[in-house]
Amino acid sequence: MLFLLTALPAFAQEQAPVNLDNGIARMQALESNAEHERAAQQQQAEADRRRQRQQAAAAERKRSEAHVAAQAQANRERQAAVNRQRAIEDQDRSYENRYKELQLKRLEAQVARENDRINADLARSKAETDAVQSQADANRNVSKGVEKNLKDANRHWWEK
């Protein structure tokens, strides 16, 4: 047993540099692995940040495109409303013009009827005037004839 006790420290001494080298190598490997893991985590974190920035940029682009599309739609709707209003106003003006034309035609027809009445009254009045004139001429002629006859009747044959 003594041999074992004396042999153990010798064996342990021989094993110590190897174990020390193995321990250092293992520590270096662990440190290297830790550095690789930190680098991988940093790369992953950077990739995550890059992905988040890209997603944020994509979301902002989407919001911007949606805003532009909404504005374009609002502009189209506003223009459509303006066009409808203009069409209504154009139709109203057309109706007003048609109404004025019809009123003018009605007035023209009324004036034409009034002119026909006036012309008929003038013709009747002229006919009455002509009848009165004819009667007056006839009365004058009769009266002249009667006067001549009376004069002739009161004259002697030598006065003729």
C-alpha atoms as a PDB file:
ATOM      1  CA  MET A   1       0.000   0.000   0.000  1.00  0.00           C
ATOM      2  CA  LEU A   2       2.817   2.211   0.582  1.00  0.00           C
ATOM      3  CA  PHE A   3       3.793   1.649  -2.935  1.00  0.00           C
ATOM      4  CA  LEU A   4       0.450   2.917  -4.015  1.00  0.00           C
ATOM      5  CA  LEU A   5       0.720   5.956  -1.897  1.00  0.00           C
ATOM      6  CA  THR A   6       4.159   6.737  -3.172  1.00  0.00           C
ATOM      7  CA  ALA A   7       3.236   5.839  -6.710  1.00  0.00           C
ATOM      8  CA  LEU A   8       0.131   7.926  -6.711  1.00  0.00           C
ATOM      9  CA  PRO A   9       1.879  11.227  -6.297  1.00  0.00           C
ATOM     10  CA  ALA A  10       4.315  10.290  -9.034  1.00  0.00           C
ATOM     11  CA  PHE A  11       1.477   9.287 -11.290  1.00  0.00           C
ATOM     12  CA  ALA A  12      -0.397  12.402 -10.380  1.00  0.00           C
ATOM     13  CA  GLN A  13       2.663  14.485 -11.149  1.00  0.00           C
ATOM     14  CA  GLU A  14       3.055  12.883 -14.525  1.00  0.00           C
ATOM     15  CA  GLN A  15      -0.617  13.408 -15.270  1.00  0.00           C
ATOM     16  CA  ALA A  16      -0.658  16.983 -14.017  1.00  0.00           C
ATOM     17  CA  PRO A  17       1.006  18.633 -17.054  1.00  0.00           C
ATOM     18  CA  VAL A  18      -1.210  16.691 -19.432  1.00  0.00           C
ATOM     19  CA  ASN A  19      -4.304  17.525 -17.427  1.00  0.00           C
ATOM     20  CA  LEU A  20      -3.153  21.112 -17.210  1.00  0.00           C
ATOM     21  CA  ASP A  21      -2.640  21.255 -20.957  1.00  0.00           C
ATOM     22  CA  ASN A  22      -5.988  19.576 -21.473  1.00  0.00           C
ATOM     23  CA  GLY A  23      -7.602  21.990 -19.046  1.00  0.00           C
ATOM     24  CA  ILE A  24      -6.042  24.991 -20.788  1.00  0.00           C
ATOM     25  CA  ALA A  25      -7.020  23.630 -24.168  1.00  0.00           C
ATOM     26  CA  ARG A  26     -10.489  22.942 -22.885  1.00  0.00           C
ATOM     27  CA  MET A  27     -10.702  26.457 -21.408  1.00  0.00           C
ATOM     28  CA  GLN A  28      -9.453  27.949 -24.663  1.00  0.00           C
ATOM     29  CA  ALA A  29     -11.976  25.838 -26.535  1.00  0.00           C
ATOM     30  CA  LEU A  30     -14.702  26.969 -24.142  1.00  0.00           C
ATOM     31  CA  GLU A  31     -13.609  30.604 -24.512  1.00  0.00           C
ATOM     32  CA  SER A  32     -13.455  30.155 -28.271  1.00  0.00           C
ATOM     33  CA  ASN A  33     -16.881  28.541 -28.229  1.00  0.00           C
ATOM     34  CA  ALA A  34     -18.151  31.346 -26.000  1.00  0.00           C
ATOM     35  CA  GLU A  35     -16.681  33.937 -28.403  1.00  0.00           C
ATOM     36  CA  HIS A  36     -18.198  32.094 -31.351  1.00  0.00           C
ATOM     37  CA  GLU A  37     -21.478  31.946 -29.508  1.00  0.00           C
ATOM     38  CA  ARG A  38     -21.260  35.672 -28.633  1.00  0.00           C
ATOM     39  CA  ALA A  39     -20.402  36.428 -32.274  1.00  0.00           C
ATOM     40  CA  ALA A  40     -23.277  34.229 -33.424  1.00  0.00           C
ATOM     41  CA  GLN A  41     -25.604  35.942 -30.931  1.00  0.00           C
ATOM     42  CA  GLN A  42     -24.384  39.354 -32.131  1.00  0.00           C
ATOM     43  CA  GLN A  43     -24.920  38.301 -35.741  1.00  0.00           C
ATOM     44  CA  GLN A  44     -28.344  36.957 -34.826  1.00  0.00           C
ATOM     45  CA  ALA A  45     -29.157  40.152 -32.926  1.00  0.00           C
ATOM     46  CA  GLU A  46     -27.932  42.243 -35.887  1.00  0.00           C
ATOM     47  CA  ALA A  47     -29.977  40.087 -38.262  1.00  0.00           C
ATOM     48  CA  ASP A  48     -33.002  40.520 -35.965  1.00  0.00           C
ATOM     49  CA  ARG A  49     -32.480  44.307 -35.864  1.00  0.00           C
ATOM     50  CA  ARG A  50     -32.032  44.369 -39.658  1.00  0.00           C
ATOM     51  CA  ARG A  51     -35.208  42.287 -40.077  1.00  0.00           C
ATOM     52  CA  GLN A  52     -37.086  44.602 -37.689  1.00  0.00           C
ATOM     53  CA  ARG A  53     -35.852  47.664 -39.603  1.00  0.00           C
ATOM     54  CA  GLN A  54     -36.897  46.045 -42.885  1.00  0.00           C
ATOM     55  CA  GLN A  55     -40.285  45.131 -41.438  1.00  0.00           C
ATOM     56  CA  ALA A  56     -40.699  48.647 -40.065  1.00  0.00           C
ATOM     57  CA  ALA A  57     -39.700  50.114 -43.445  1.00  0.00           C
ATOM     58  CA  ALA A  58     -42.102  47.744 -45.221  1.00  0.00           C
ATOM     59  CA  ALA A  59     -44.874  48.668 -42.787  1.00  0.00           C
ATOM     60  CA  GLU A  60     -44.133  52.374 -43.325  1.00  0.00           C
ATOM     61  CA  ARG A  61     -44.186  51.856 -47.109  1.00  0.00           C
ATOM     62  CA  LYS A  62     -47.489  50.029 -46.756  1.00  0.00           C
ATOM     63  CA  ARG A  63     -48.936  52.838 -44.617  1.00  0.00           C
ATOM     64  CA  SER A  64     -47.642  55.402 -47.093  1.00  0.00           C
ATOM     65  CA  GLU A  65     -49.070  53.477 -50.060  1.00  0.00           C
ATOM     66  CA  ALA A  66     -52.373  53.061 -48.229  1.00  0.00           C
ATOM     67  CA  HIS A  67     -52.405  56.795 -47.454  1.00  0.00           C
ATOM     68  CA  VAL A  68     -51.652  57.656 -51.090  1.00  0.00           C
ATOM     69  CA  ALA A  69     -54.318  55.202 -52.258  1.00  0.00           C
ATOM     70  CA  ALA A  70     -56.840  56.676 -49.805  1.00  0.00           C
ATOM     71  CA  GLN A  71     -56.029  60.196 -50.998  1.00  0.00           C
ATOM     72  CA  ALA A  72     -56.363  59.096 -54.627  1.00  0.00           C
ATOM     73  CA  GLN A  73     -59.717  57.460 -53.854  1.00  0.00           C
ATOM     74  CA  ALA A  74     -60.880  60.563 -52.013  1.00  0.00           C
ATOM     75  CA  ASN A  75     -59.796  62.711 -54.976  1.00  0.00           C
ATOM     76  CA  ARG A  76     -61.662  60.422 -57.387  1.00  0.00           C
ATOM     77  CA  GLU A  77     -64.784  60.569 -55.226  1.00  0.00           C
ATOM     78  CA  ARG A  78     -64.501  64.349 -54.877  1.00  0.00           C
ATOM     79  CA  GLN A  79     -64.062  64.717 -58.658  1.00  0.00           C
ATOM     80  CA  ALA A  80     -67.009  62.388 -59.271  1.00  0.00           C
ATOM     81  CA  ALA A  81     -69.142  64.516 -56.930  1.00  0.00           C
ATOM     82  CA  VAL A  82     -68.014  67.682 -58.734  1.00  0.00           C
ATOM     83  CA  ASN A  83     -68.817  66.067 -62.097  1.00  0.00           C
ATOM     84  CA  ARG A  84     -72.257  64.985 -60.847  1.00  0.00           C
ATOM     85  CA  GLN A  85     -72.937  68.504 -59.552  1.00  0.00           C
ATOM     86  CA  ARG A  86     -71.835  70.004 -62.870  1.00  0.00           C
ATOM     87  CA  ALA A  87     -74.065  67.572 -64.762  1.00  0.00           C
ATOM     88  CA  ILE A  88     -77.014  68.541 -62.559  1.00  0.00           C
ATOM     89  CA  GLU A  89     -76.288  72.242 -63.073  1.00  0.00           C
ATOM     90  CA  ASP A  90     -75.933  71.714 -66.838  1.00  0.00           C
ATOM     91  CA  GLN A  91     -79.251  69.878 -66.896  1.00  0.00           C
ATOM     92  CA  ASP A  92     -80.878  72.644 -64.844  1.00  0.00           C
ATOM     93  CA  ARG A  93     -79.565  75.264 -67.283  1.00  0.00           C
ATOM     94  CA  SER A  94     -80.819  73.171 -70.178  1.00  0.00           C
ATOM     95  CA  TYR A  95     -84.276  72.944 -68.573  1.00  0.00           C
ATOM     96  CA  GLU A  96     -84.270  76.676 -67.882  1.00  0.00           C
ATOM     97  CA  ASN A  97     -83.299  77.425 -71.487  1.00  0.00           C
ATOM     98  CA  ARG A  98     -85.997  75.057 -72.783  1.00  0.00           C
ATOM     99  CA  TYR A  99     -88.547  76.681 -70.457  1.00  0.00           C
ATOM    100  CA  LYS A 100     -87.549  80.145 -71.695  1.00  0.00           C
ATOM    101  CA  GLU A 101     -87.822  78.972 -75.312  1.00  0.00           C
ATOM    102  CA  LEU A 102     -91.303  77.583 -74.644  1.00  0.00           C
ATOM    103  CA  GLN A 103     -92.325  80.787 -72.856  1.00  0.00           C
ATOM    104  CA  LEU A 104     -91.034  82.806 -75.808  1.00  0.00           C
ATOM    105  CA  LYS A 105     -92.981  80.624 -78.271  1.00  0.00           C
ATOM    106  CA  ARG A 106     -96.094  81.000 -76.107  1.00  0.00           C
ATOM    107  CA  LEU A 107     -95.661  84.777 -76.102  1.00  0.00           C
ATOM    108  CA  GLU A 108     -95.044  84.779 -79.860  1.00  0.00           C
ATOM    109  CA  ALA A 109     -98.256  82.788 -80.396  1.00  0.00           C
ATOM    110  CA  GLN A 110    -100.133  85.142 -78.070  1.00  0.00           C
ATOM    111  CA  VAL A 111     -98.764  88.182 -79.943  1.00  0.00           C
ATOM    112  CA  ALA A 112     -99.669  86.578 -83.283  1.00  0.00           C
ATOM    113  CA  ARG A 113    -103.258  85.971 -82.059  1.00  0.00           C
ATOM    114  CA  GLU A 114    -103.432  89.532 -80.766  1.00  0.00           C
ATOM    115  CA  ASN A 115    -102.114  90.819 -84.110  1.00  0.00           C
ATOM    116  CA  ASP A 116    -104.744  88.743 -85.920  1.00  0.00           C
ATOM    117  CA  ARG A 117    -107.456  90.226 -83.659  1.00  0.00           C
ATOM    118  CA  ILE A 118    -106.132  93.736 -84.258  1.00  0.00           C
ATOM    119  CA  ASN A 119    -105.982  93.119 -88.003  1.00  0.00           C
ATOM    120  CA  ALA A 120    -109.532  91.743 -87.924  1.00  0.00           C
ATOM    121  CA  ASP A 121    -110.682  94.777 -85.922  1.00  0.00           C
ATOM    122  CA  LEU A 122    -108.912  97.064 -88.389  1.00  0.00           C
ATOM    123  CA  ALA A 123    -110.488  95.243 -91.327  1.00  0.00           C
ATOM    124  CA  ARG A 124    -113.948  95.427 -89.701  1.00  0.00           C
ATOM    125  CA  SER A 125    -113.395  99.078 -88.851  1.00  0.00           C
ATOM    126  CA  LYS A 126    -112.232  99.759 -92.420  1.00  0.00           C
ATOM    127  CA  ALA A 127    -115.266  97.914 -93.747  1.00  0.00           C
ATOM    128  CA  GLU A 128    -117.519  99.952 -91.459  1.00  0.00           C
ATOM    129  CA  THR A 129    -115.730 103.130 -92.519  1.00  0.00           C
ATOM    130  CA  ASP A 130    -116.093 102.131 -96.170  1.00  0.00           C
ATOM    131  CA  ALA A 131    -119.791 101.375 -95.606  1.00  0.00           C
ATOM    132  CA  VAL A 132    -120.289 104.720 -93.878  1.00  0.00           C
ATOM    133  CA  GLN A 133    -118.337 106.445 -96.653  1.00  0.00           C
ATOM    134  CA  SER A 134    -120.382 104.651 -99.303  1.00  0.00           C
ATOM    135  CA  GLN A 135    -123.573 105.586 -97.512  1.00  0.00           C
ATOM    136  CA  ALA A 136    -122.358 109.170 -97.228  1.00  0.00           C
ATOM    137  CA  ASP A 137    -121.414 109.197-100.919  1.00  0.00           C
ATOM    138  CA  ALA A 138    -124.778 107.712-101.817  1.00  0.00           C
ATOM    139  CA  ASN A 139    -126.585 110.224 -99.626  1.00  0.00           C
ATOM    140  CA  ARG A 140    -124.584 113.055-101.173  1.00  0.00           C
ATOM    141  CA  ASN A 141    -125.311 111.791-104.661  1.00  0.00           C
ATOM    142  CA  VAL A 142    -128.996 111.451-103.868  1.00  0.00           C
ATOM    143  CA  SER A 143    -129.039 114.838-102.293  1.00  0.00           C
ATOM    144  CA  LYS A 144    -127.267 116.380-105.304  1.00  0.00           C
ATOM    145  CA  GLY A 145    -129.645 114.619-107.601  1.00  0.00           C
ATOM    146  CA  VAL A 146    -132.620 115.810-105.609  1.00  0.00           C
ATOM    147  CA  GLU A 147    -131.158 119.295-105.493  1.00  0.00           C
ATOM    148  CA  LYS A 148    -130.574 119.263-109.226  1.00  0.00           C
ATOM    149  CA  ASN A 149    -134.045 117.947-109.826  1.00  0.00           C
ATOM    150  CA  LEU A 150    -135.479 120.615-107.587  1.00  0.00           C
ATOM    151  CA  LYS A 151    -133.496 123.271-109.324  1.00  0.00           C
ATOM    152  CA  ASP A 152    -134.443 121.881-112.655  1.00  0.00           C
ATOM    153  CA  ALA A 153    -138.045 121.714-111.589  1.00  0.00           C
ATOM    154  CA  ASN A 154    -138.034 125.333-110.496  1.00  0.00           C
ATOM    155  CA  ARG A 155    -136.432 126.566-113.670  1.00  0.00           C
ATOM    156  CA  HIS A 156    -137.985 127.574-116.818  1.00  0.00           C
ATOM    157  CA  TRP A 157    -137.145 126.128-120.109  1.00  0.00           C
ATOM    158  CA  TRP A 158    -135.085 129.109-121.063  1.00  0.00           C
ATOM    159  CA  GLU A 159    -132.931 128.852-117.928  1.00  0.00           C
ATOM    160  CA  LYS A 160    -131.668 125.592-118.891  1.00  0.00           C
END
